[in-house]
């Protein structure tokens, strides 16, 4: 009984200090989240008026680098966008990292498609296709449900120099028979859940 009374008395003695410590923690957390909110608002405003394009992408702000790269790509500046996406893909946030890898794949795929007619079979075309394929596979390793990456992997198989003109689609070790576009005019990812997986 005395021990319980002593423990209760000790808790009552430390109670004001505990409340003060908790209040300080809440104040610090509030200030931190307020700063995060302010930064997000300023980033959104800069993105909307495209003044973010005047910022130089830095290695410590991956979301800003991704936003800059996205706008650069929209404004037809793929080389600068590529560098900014490469900064964003170093993020520790797996979702942002997957989106950056998917965007890199899109840049390489776009480059491959635009140079297909004049550079058919060239080393540069094959390199772009391989880079795009690797980027999409890395995005799918992080987020297996990123269906845009699966779809673009299949597009890559159709424009690959070695596979164009053949009636079969081969992805890594899986053969799916007649090209779905030659079967019924469109490919459906739900037909085979293994399609596009790394």
Protein backbone atom coordinates (compact mmCIF):
# COMPACT_ATOMS: atom_id res chain seq x y z
CA UNK A 1 0.00 0.00 0.00
CA UNK A 2 2.85 2.36 0.85
CA UNK A 3 4.60 1.53 -2.44
CA UNK A 4 1.45 2.36 -4.40
CA UNK A 5 1.05 5.63 -2.51
CA UNK A 6 4.72 6.53 -3.12
CA UNK A 7 4.44 5.71 -6.85
CA UNK A 8 1.29 7.81 -7.14
CA UNK A 9 2.97 10.71 -5.37
CA UNK A 10 5.99 10.46 -7.67
CA UNK A 11 3.74 10.48 -10.75
CA UNK A 12 1.92 13.55 -9.42
CA UNK A 13 5.27 15.29 -8.83
CA UNK A 14 6.40 14.61 -12.42
CA UNK A 15 2.99 15.24 -14.00
CA UNK A 16 3.54 18.97 -14.78
CA UNK A 17 6.93 18.17 -16.38
CA UNK A 18 5.39 15.38 -18.46
CA UNK A 19 2.58 17.66 -19.66
CA UNK A 20 5.13 20.37 -20.50
CA UNK A 21 7.27 17.88 -22.47
CA UNK A 22 4.25 16.59 -24.41
CA UNK A 23 3.19 20.18 -25.17
CA UNK A 24 6.66 20.96 -26.54
CA UNK A 25 6.57 17.82 -28.74
CA UNK A 26 3.16 18.86 -30.11
CA UNK A 27 4.44 22.38 -30.79
CA UNK A 28 7.51 21.06 -32.66
CA UNK A 29 5.32 18.66 -34.69
CA UNK A 30 2.88 21.47 -35.50
CA UNK A 31 5.67 23.77 -36.70
CA UNK A 32 7.18 20.94 -38.80
CA UNK A 33 3.87 20.08 -40.51
CA UNK A 34 3.05 23.75 -41.02
CA UNK A 35 6.40 24.21 -42.81
CA UNK A 36 5.69 21.12 -44.94
CA UNK A 37 2.24 22.47 -45.80
CA UNK A 38 3.68 25.89 -46.72
CA UNK A 39 6.31 24.27 -48.93
CA UNK A 40 3.65 22.16 -50.67
CA UNK A 41 1.48 25.24 -51.29
CA UNK A 42 4.41 27.22 -52.74
CA UNK A 43 5.39 24.24 -54.92
CA UNK A 44 1.82 23.96 -56.24
CA UNK A 45 1.68 27.68 -57.03
CA UNK A 46 5.07 27.55 -58.78
CA UNK A 47 3.91 24.49 -60.74
CA UNK A 48 0.65 26.16 -61.81
CA UNK A 49 2.31 29.34 -63.09
CA UNK A 50 5.31 27.32 -64.39
CA UNK A 51 7.75 29.51 -62.50
CA UNK A 52 9.14 26.25 -61.12
CA UNK A 53 10.97 25.90 -64.44
CA UNK A 54 13.33 28.66 -63.30
CA UNK A 55 14.39 26.49 -60.32
CA UNK A 56 17.42 24.25 -60.62
CA UNK A 57 16.56 20.65 -59.60
CA UNK A 58 18.46 19.70 -56.44
CA UNK A 59 19.44 16.34 -55.02
CA UNK A 60 17.56 16.93 -51.76
CA UNK A 61 14.10 17.85 -53.09
CA UNK A 62 12.91 14.92 -55.20
CA UNK A 63 9.29 16.02 -55.54
CA UNK A 64 10.36 19.39 -56.91
CA UNK A 65 12.76 17.66 -59.32
CA UNK A 66 9.92 15.42 -60.52
CA UNK A 67 7.61 18.43 -60.99
CA UNK A 68 10.28 20.30 -62.96
CA UNK A 69 10.97 17.25 -65.13
CA UNK A 70 7.28 16.72 -65.82
CA UNK A 71 6.83 20.31 -67.00
CA UNK A 72 10.06 20.20 -69.03
CA UNK A 73 8.78 17.09 -70.78
CA UNK A 74 5.43 18.80 -71.44
CA UNK A 75 7.33 21.77 -72.93
CA UNK A 76 9.31 19.51 -75.30
CA UNK A 77 12.68 19.65 -73.52
CA UNK A 78 13.43 15.94 -73.12
CA UNK A 79 17.17 16.23 -72.37
CA UNK A 80 16.66 18.55 -69.40
CA UNK A 81 13.65 16.48 -68.28
CA UNK A 82 15.78 13.33 -68.36
CA UNK A 83 18.30 14.82 -65.92
CA UNK A 84 15.57 16.01 -63.53
CA UNK A 85 13.79 12.62 -63.62
CA UNK A 86 17.11 10.94 -62.80
CA UNK A 87 17.32 13.12 -59.67
CA UNK A 88 13.72 12.23 -58.72
CA UNK A 89 14.31 8.50 -59.11
CA UNK A 90 16.83 8.63 -56.24
CA UNK A 91 13.96 9.38 -53.82
CA UNK A 92 13.36 7.09 -50.84
CA UNK A 93 9.60 7.36 -51.48
CA UNK A 94 8.87 4.20 -53.48
CA UNK A 95 5.79 5.69 -55.22
CA UNK A 96 7.67 8.77 -56.43
CA UNK A 97 10.61 6.57 -57.43
CA UNK A 98 8.32 4.29 -59.48
CA UNK A 99 6.70 7.29 -61.20
CA UNK A 100 10.13 8.74 -62.03
CA UNK A 101 11.31 5.42 -63.47
CA UNK A 102 8.11 5.14 -65.52
CA UNK A 103 8.63 8.69 -66.82
CA UNK A 104 12.23 7.86 -67.78
CA UNK A 105 10.91 4.85 -69.67
CA UNK A 106 8.44 7.11 -71.48
CA UNK A 107 11.24 9.47 -72.52
CA UNK A 108 13.33 6.62 -73.92
CA UNK A 109 10.30 5.04 -75.61
CA UNK A 110 9.37 8.36 -77.20
CA UNK A 111 12.93 8.75 -78.46
CA UNK A 112 12.88 5.23 -79.87
CA UNK A 113 9.56 5.75 -81.64
CA UNK A 114 10.61 9.06 -83.16
CA UNK A 115 13.86 7.63 -84.51
CA UNK A 116 12.38 4.34 -85.69
CA UNK A 117 11.90 5.24 -89.34
CA UNK A 118 15.25 6.89 -90.03
CA UNK A 119 17.36 4.73 -87.70
CA UNK A 120 15.67 1.34 -88.06
CA UNK A 121 17.91 -1.35 -86.64
CA UNK A 122 20.59 1.08 -85.53
CA UNK A 123 22.50 0.74 -82.28
CA UNK A 124 20.98 3.96 -80.95
CA UNK A 125 17.42 2.69 -81.44
CA UNK A 126 18.22 -0.60 -79.73
CA UNK A 127 19.90 1.23 -76.84
CA UNK A 128 16.84 3.44 -76.33
CA UNK A 129 14.55 0.41 -76.35
CA UNK A 130 16.74 -1.39 -73.80
CA UNK A 131 16.86 1.68 -71.54
CA UNK A 132 13.08 2.10 -71.73
CA UNK A 133 12.50 -1.61 -71.01
CA UNK A 134 14.80 -1.51 -67.96
CA UNK A 135 13.10 1.65 -66.63
CA UNK A 136 9.63 0.11 -66.94
CA UNK A 137 10.75 -3.13 -65.29
CA UNK A 138 12.28 -1.19 -62.39
CA UNK A 139 9.05 0.77 -61.99
CA UNK A 140 7.07 -2.50 -61.90
CA UNK A 141 9.42 -3.97 -59.31
CA UNK A 142 8.51 -1.05 -57.04
CA UNK A 143 4.80 -0.97 -57.94
CA UNK A 144 3.54 -4.14 -59.67
CA UNK A 145 0.12 -2.54 -60.28
CA UNK A 146 1.52 0.26 -62.47
CA UNK A 147 -0.41 -0.84 -65.56
CA UNK A 148 0.88 1.99 -67.73
CA UNK A 149 4.37 0.47 -67.40
CA UNK A 150 3.07 -2.99 -68.32
CA UNK A 151 1.30 -1.59 -71.35
CA UNK A 152 4.42 0.27 -72.50
CA UNK A 153 6.54 -2.86 -72.08
CA UNK A 154 4.24 -4.54 -74.59
CA UNK A 155 4.56 -1.56 -76.94
CA UNK A 156 8.33 -1.94 -76.72
CA UNK A 157 8.04 -5.55 -77.82
CA UNK A 158 6.12 -4.47 -80.89
CA UNK A 159 8.67 -1.85 -81.99
CA UNK A 160 11.79 -3.87 -81.16
CA UNK A 161 13.68 -4.44 -84.43
CA UNK A 162 14.07 -8.18 -83.81
CA UNK A 163 10.40 -8.66 -83.04
CA UNK A 164 8.71 -6.37 -85.55
CA UNK A 165 7.00 -8.22 -88.35
CA UNK A 166 6.76 -11.50 -86.49
CA UNK A 167 3.37 -12.80 -85.49
CA UNK A 168 4.38 -13.69 -81.94
CA UNK A 169 4.99 -11.63 -78.86
CA UNK A 170 7.76 -12.88 -76.60
CA UNK A 171 8.41 -11.20 -73.25
CA UNK A 172 11.45 -12.60 -71.42
CA UNK A 173 10.65 -16.31 -71.04
CA UNK A 174 6.91 -16.08 -71.77
CA UNK A 175 5.44 -16.65 -75.24
CA UNK A 176 1.88 -15.60 -75.80
CA UNK A 177 1.31 -16.83 -79.34
CA UNK A 178 -0.30 -14.62 -81.95
CA UNK A 179 0.14 -10.92 -81.32
CA UNK A 180 -3.06 -9.66 -79.61
CA UNK A 181 -3.29 -6.81 -82.11
CA UNK A 182 -3.42 -9.42 -84.88
CA UNK A 183 -6.01 -11.50 -83.02
CA UNK A 184 -8.77 -9.01 -82.34
CA UNK A 185 -7.37 -5.53 -82.82
CA UNK A 186 -6.55 -4.69 -79.20
CA UNK A 187 -4.53 -5.98 -76.28
CA UNK A 188 -6.16 -6.46 -72.91
CA UNK A 189 -3.89 -6.71 -69.89
CA UNK A 190 -6.56 -8.52 -67.90
CA UNK A 191 -6.31 -11.48 -70.34
CA UNK A 192 -3.01 -12.55 -68.80
CA UNK A 193 -1.85 -11.18 -65.46
CA UNK A 194 1.76 -12.19 -66.17
CA UNK A 195 2.04 -9.85 -69.16
CA UNK A 196 4.46 -7.02 -68.70
CA UNK A 197 5.89 -8.34 -65.45
CA UNK A 198 9.66 -8.05 -64.99
